[in-house]
Amino acid sequence: MIKKVLVIFGVLAISIISSYSYIHIKLDLTKDAVEDYLVNEKGINKKDIKVSKPVYDWIKVKGDKKWFVCIEIHGDEGTYYYYEDHKKIISS
């Protein structure tokens, strides 16, 4: 009986840890891809990227749009949202 409880607890703990790790890694990869896109494709200096906050919106959005990055550029009033869609960066 104790072994069953320990196995269930172990499987549950591994599931939670792996889900958290996946989300954290995916957010970091999306943030890095968007920053690389802004620096290399749009010619924005990395120091001018004021805020780069990755977001995982699993409730309202479907597909790759779940993983997006909020960007504010120094000297610009707007906030821009970028997501990675099949290795292309798209602004929304």
N, C-alpha and C. Protein backbone atom coordinates (compact mmCIF):
# COMPACT_ATOMS: atom_id res chain seq x y z
N MET A 1 0.81 -1.20 0.00
CA MET A 1 0.00 0.00 0.00
C MET A 1 0.86 1.27 0.00
N ILE A 2 1.90 1.28 0.83
CA ILE A 2 2.79 2.44 0.89
C ILE A 2 3.55 2.60 -0.42
N LYS A 3 3.94 1.50 -1.03
CA LYS A 3 4.65 1.56 -2.31
C LYS A 3 3.77 2.18 -3.39
N LYS A 4 2.49 1.83 -3.40
CA LYS A 4 1.57 2.40 -4.40
C LYS A 4 1.45 3.92 -4.23
N VAL A 5 1.33 4.36 -2.98
CA VAL A 5 1.22 5.78 -2.71
C VAL A 5 2.50 6.50 -3.12
N LEU A 6 3.65 5.91 -2.82
CA LEU A 6 4.92 6.52 -3.20
C LEU A 6 5.08 6.57 -4.71
N VAL A 7 4.67 5.53 -5.41
CA VAL A 7 4.76 5.51 -6.87
C VAL A 7 3.85 6.58 -7.46
N ILE A 8 2.63 6.68 -6.96
CA ILE A 8 1.70 7.70 -7.47
C ILE A 8 2.25 9.10 -7.18
N PHE A 9 2.76 9.31 -5.98
CA PHE A 9 3.34 10.60 -5.64
C PHE A 9 4.54 10.91 -6.53
N GLY A 10 5.38 9.91 -6.77
CA GLY A 10 6.56 10.10 -7.63
C GLY A 10 6.18 10.45 -9.06
N VAL A 11 5.20 9.74 -9.61
CA VAL A 11 4.74 10.01 -10.97
C VAL A 11 4.13 11.41 -11.06
N LEU A 12 3.35 11.78 -10.06
CA LEU A 12 2.75 13.11 -10.03
C LEU A 12 3.82 14.19 -9.93
N ALA A 13 4.81 13.99 -9.09
CA ALA A 13 5.89 14.97 -8.94
C ALA A 13 6.68 15.11 -10.24
N ILE A 14 6.99 14.01 -10.89
CA ILE A 14 7.73 14.05 -12.15
C ILE A 14 6.90 14.76 -13.22
N SER A 15 5.61 14.52 -13.25
CA SER A 15 4.74 15.18 -14.24
C SER A 15 4.71 16.69 -14.04
N ILE A 16 4.59 17.11 -12.80
CA ILE A 16 4.55 18.55 -12.51
C ILE A 16 5.88 19.21 -12.85
N ILE A 17 6.97 18.59 -12.45
CA ILE A 17 8.30 19.15 -12.71
C ILE A 17 8.58 19.22 -14.21
N SER A 18 8.23 18.18 -14.94
CA SER A 18 8.51 18.18 -16.38
C SER A 18 7.63 19.19 -17.11
N SER A 19 6.37 19.35 -16.69
CA SER A 19 5.50 20.36 -17.31
C SER A 19 6.03 21.77 -17.06
N TYR A 20 6.42 22.05 -15.84
CA TYR A 20 6.98 23.36 -15.50
C TYR A 20 8.26 23.62 -16.30
N SER A 21 9.11 22.61 -16.39
CA SER A 21 10.37 22.76 -17.13
C SER A 21 10.10 23.03 -18.60
N TYR A 22 9.15 22.30 -19.20
CA TYR A 22 8.82 22.49 -20.61
C TYR A 22 8.35 23.93 -20.86
N ILE A 23 7.45 24.42 -20.02
CA ILE A 23 6.92 25.77 -20.19
C ILE A 23 8.03 26.80 -20.06
N HIS A 24 8.87 26.65 -19.05
CA HIS A 24 9.96 27.59 -18.82
C HIS A 24 10.95 27.61 -19.99
N ILE A 25 11.31 26.44 -20.48
CA ILE A 25 12.26 26.34 -21.60
C ILE A 25 11.64 26.92 -22.87
N LYS A 26 10.37 26.61 -23.14
CA LYS A 26 9.70 27.12 -24.34
C LYS A 26 9.61 28.66 -24.30
N LEU A 27 9.32 29.23 -23.12
CA LEU A 27 9.26 30.68 -23.00
C LEU A 27 10.63 31.31 -23.25
N ASP A 28 11.67 30.71 -22.71
CA ASP A 28 13.03 31.24 -22.94
C ASP A 28 13.42 31.14 -24.41
N LEU A 29 13.09 30.03 -25.06
CA LEU A 29 13.42 29.88 -26.48
C LEU A 29 12.66 30.88 -27.34
N THR A 30 11.39 31.13 -27.02
CA THR A 30 10.60 32.11 -27.76
C THR A 30 11.17 33.51 -27.57
N LYS A 31 11.51 33.85 -26.33
CA LYS A 31 12.10 35.16 -26.04
C LYS A 31 13.40 35.35 -26.81
N ASP A 32 14.27 34.34 -26.80
CA ASP A 32 15.54 34.44 -27.52
C ASP A 32 15.32 34.57 -29.02
N ALA A 33 14.35 33.83 -29.57
CA ALA A 33 14.08 33.89 -31.01
C ALA A 33 13.58 35.28 -31.41
N VAL A 34 12.70 35.86 -30.59
CA VAL A 34 12.18 37.19 -30.90
C VAL A 34 13.27 38.24 -30.78
N GLU A 35 14.10 38.15 -29.74
CA GLU A 35 15.20 39.11 -29.60
C GLU A 35 16.17 39.00 -30.77
N ASP A 36 16.51 37.79 -31.18
CA ASP A 36 17.38 37.60 -32.34
C ASP A 36 16.76 38.20 -33.59
N TYR A 37 15.46 38.00 -33.77
CA TYR A 37 14.75 38.55 -34.92
C TYR A 37 14.82 40.07 -34.93
N LEU A 38 14.57 40.69 -33.77
CA LEU A 38 14.58 42.14 -33.71
C LEU A 38 15.97 42.71 -33.95
N VAL A 39 16.98 42.03 -33.46
CA VAL A 39 18.36 42.52 -33.63
C VAL A 39 18.84 42.26 -35.06
N ASN A 40 18.65 41.06 -35.56
CA ASN A 40 19.22 40.68 -36.86
C ASN A 40 18.36 41.11 -38.05
N GLU A 41 17.04 40.99 -37.96
CA GLU A 41 16.18 41.28 -39.10
C GLU A 41 15.70 42.74 -39.12
N LYS A 42 15.38 43.27 -37.96
CA LYS A 42 14.84 44.64 -37.90
C LYS A 42 15.89 45.69 -37.60
N GLY A 43 17.09 45.26 -37.23
CA GLY A 43 18.19 46.19 -37.00
C GLY A 43 18.07 47.01 -35.71
N ILE A 44 17.36 46.49 -34.74
CA ILE A 44 17.20 47.20 -33.47
C ILE A 44 18.34 46.80 -32.54
N ASN A 45 18.94 47.79 -31.90
CA ASN A 45 20.01 47.52 -30.96
C ASN A 45 19.45 46.78 -29.75
N LYS A 46 20.16 45.76 -29.30
CA LYS A 46 19.68 44.96 -28.19
C LYS A 46 19.50 45.79 -26.92
N LYS A 47 20.29 46.83 -26.77
CA LYS A 47 20.17 47.71 -25.60
C LYS A 47 18.90 48.56 -25.67
N ASP A 48 18.31 48.73 -26.86
CA ASP A 48 17.09 49.52 -27.00
C ASP A 48 15.83 48.72 -26.69
N ILE A 49 15.95 47.42 -26.57
CA ILE A 49 14.81 46.59 -26.21
C ILE A 49 14.60 46.75 -24.71
N LYS A 50 13.57 47.51 -24.37
CA LYS A 50 13.35 47.93 -22.99
C LYS A 50 12.75 46.81 -22.14
N VAL A 51 11.72 46.18 -22.61
CA VAL A 51 11.05 45.12 -21.86
C VAL A 51 10.88 43.93 -22.79
N SER A 52 11.24 42.81 -22.32
CA SER A 52 11.06 41.59 -23.09
C SER A 52 10.52 40.54 -22.12
N LYS A 53 9.22 40.44 -22.10
CA LYS A 53 8.58 39.55 -21.13
C LYS A 53 7.86 38.43 -21.86
N PRO A 54 8.32 37.20 -21.74
CA PRO A 54 7.62 36.09 -22.39
C PRO A 54 6.34 35.74 -21.62
N VAL A 55 5.31 35.38 -22.37
CA VAL A 55 4.01 35.07 -21.77
C VAL A 55 3.50 33.76 -22.35
N TYR A 56 2.87 32.96 -21.50
CA TYR A 56 2.20 31.73 -21.93
C TYR A 56 0.72 31.89 -21.62
N ASP A 57 -0.09 32.13 -22.65
CA ASP A 57 -1.52 32.31 -22.49
C ASP A 57 -2.23 31.05 -22.97
N TRP A 58 -2.44 30.12 -22.08
CA TRP A 58 -3.01 28.83 -22.46
C TRP A 58 -4.52 28.82 -22.44
N ILE A 59 -5.15 29.90 -21.99
CA ILE A 59 -6.61 29.91 -21.89
C ILE A 59 -7.24 30.51 -23.14
N LYS A 60 -6.79 31.69 -23.56
CA LYS A 60 -7.47 32.44 -24.62
C LYS A 60 -6.99 32.12 -26.03
N VAL A 61 -5.78 31.65 -26.17
CA VAL A 61 -5.16 31.56 -27.49
C VAL A 61 -4.82 30.10 -27.81
N LYS A 62 -4.84 29.77 -29.11
CA LYS A 62 -4.52 28.40 -29.53
C LYS A 62 -3.25 28.40 -30.38
N GLY A 63 -2.60 27.26 -30.43
CA GLY A 63 -1.43 27.07 -31.29
C GLY A 63 -0.20 27.80 -30.80
N ASP A 64 0.64 28.20 -31.75
CA ASP A 64 1.91 28.85 -31.43
C ASP A 64 1.70 30.24 -30.84
N LYS A 65 0.53 30.83 -31.02
CA LYS A 65 0.28 32.16 -30.48
C LYS A 65 0.22 32.15 -28.96
N LYS A 66 0.14 30.97 -28.35
CA LYS A 66 0.15 30.87 -26.89
C LYS A 66 1.44 31.41 -26.29
N TRP A 67 2.51 31.23 -27.02
CA TRP A 67 3.84 31.61 -26.55
C TRP A 67 4.22 32.92 -27.23
N PHE A 68 4.10 34.02 -26.54
CA PHE A 68 4.45 35.30 -27.16
C PHE A 68 5.29 36.14 -26.22
N VAL A 69 5.87 37.19 -26.79
CA VAL A 69 6.77 38.06 -26.05
C VAL A 69 6.27 39.50 -26.19
N CYS A 70 6.18 40.20 -25.06
CA CYS A 70 5.82 41.62 -25.04
C CYS A 70 7.11 42.44 -25.15
N ILE A 71 7.15 43.33 -26.11
CA ILE A 71 8.36 44.12 -26.36
C ILE A 71 8.02 45.60 -26.29
N GLU A 72 8.84 46.35 -25.59
CA GLU A 72 8.81 47.81 -25.64
C GLU A 72 10.20 48.25 -26.07
N ILE A 73 10.24 49.18 -27.02
CA ILE A 73 11.51 49.65 -27.55
C ILE A 73 11.75 51.06 -27.02
N HIS A 74 12.95 51.30 -26.56
CA HIS A 74 13.31 52.60 -26.00
C HIS A 74 13.07 53.70 -27.03
N GLY A 75 12.34 54.72 -26.64
CA GLY A 75 12.04 55.82 -27.54
C GLY A 75 10.75 55.62 -28.32
N ASP A 76 10.06 54.51 -28.11
CA ASP A 76 8.81 54.23 -28.81
C ASP A 76 7.72 54.02 -27.76
N GLU A 77 6.56 54.61 -27.97
CA GLU A 77 5.47 54.55 -26.99
C GLU A 77 4.74 53.20 -27.00
N GLY A 78 4.78 52.49 -28.09
CA GLY A 78 3.96 51.29 -28.23
C GLY A 78 4.54 50.06 -27.55
N THR A 79 3.66 49.11 -27.32
CA THR A 79 4.05 47.77 -26.86
C THR A 79 3.73 46.82 -27.98
N TYR A 80 4.67 45.98 -28.34
CA TYR A 80 4.52 45.07 -29.46
C TYR A 80 4.53 43.64 -28.96
N TYR A 81 3.75 42.80 -29.62
CA TYR A 81 3.65 41.39 -29.25
C TYR A 81 4.14 40.55 -30.43
N TYR A 82 5.09 39.70 -30.16
CA TYR A 82 5.65 38.83 -31.19
C TYR A 82 5.51 37.38 -30.74
N TYR A 83 5.26 36.52 -31.71
CA TYR A 83 5.28 35.09 -31.43
C TYR A 83 5.97 34.36 -32.56
N GLU A 84 6.39 33.16 -32.27
CA GLU A 84 7.12 32.36 -33.25
C GLU A 84 6.16 31.35 -33.86
N ASP A 85 6.01 31.40 -35.18
CA ASP A 85 5.11 30.49 -35.89
C ASP A 85 5.92 29.70 -36.90
N HIS A 86 6.18 28.46 -36.60
CA HIS A 86 6.95 27.59 -37.49
C HIS A 86 8.27 28.25 -37.90
N LYS A 87 9.01 28.72 -36.92
CA LYS A 87 10.32 29.32 -37.08
C LYS A 87 10.30 30.67 -37.77
N LYS A 88 9.12 31.30 -37.91
CA LYS A 88 9.02 32.66 -38.40
C LYS A 88 8.50 33.51 -37.25
N ILE A 89 9.00 34.72 -37.12
CA ILE A 89 8.55 35.63 -36.08
C ILE A 89 7.46 36.52 -36.66
N ILE A 90 6.31 36.58 -35.98
CA ILE A 90 5.18 37.33 -36.48
C ILE A 90 4.76 38.34 -35.42
N SER A 91 4.49 39.56 -35.86
CA SER A 91 4.02 40.61 -34.96
C SER A 91 2.50 40.60 -34.96
N SER A 92 1.92 40.78 -33.79
CA SER A 92 0.46 40.85 -33.73
C SER A 92 0.01 42.08 -32.98
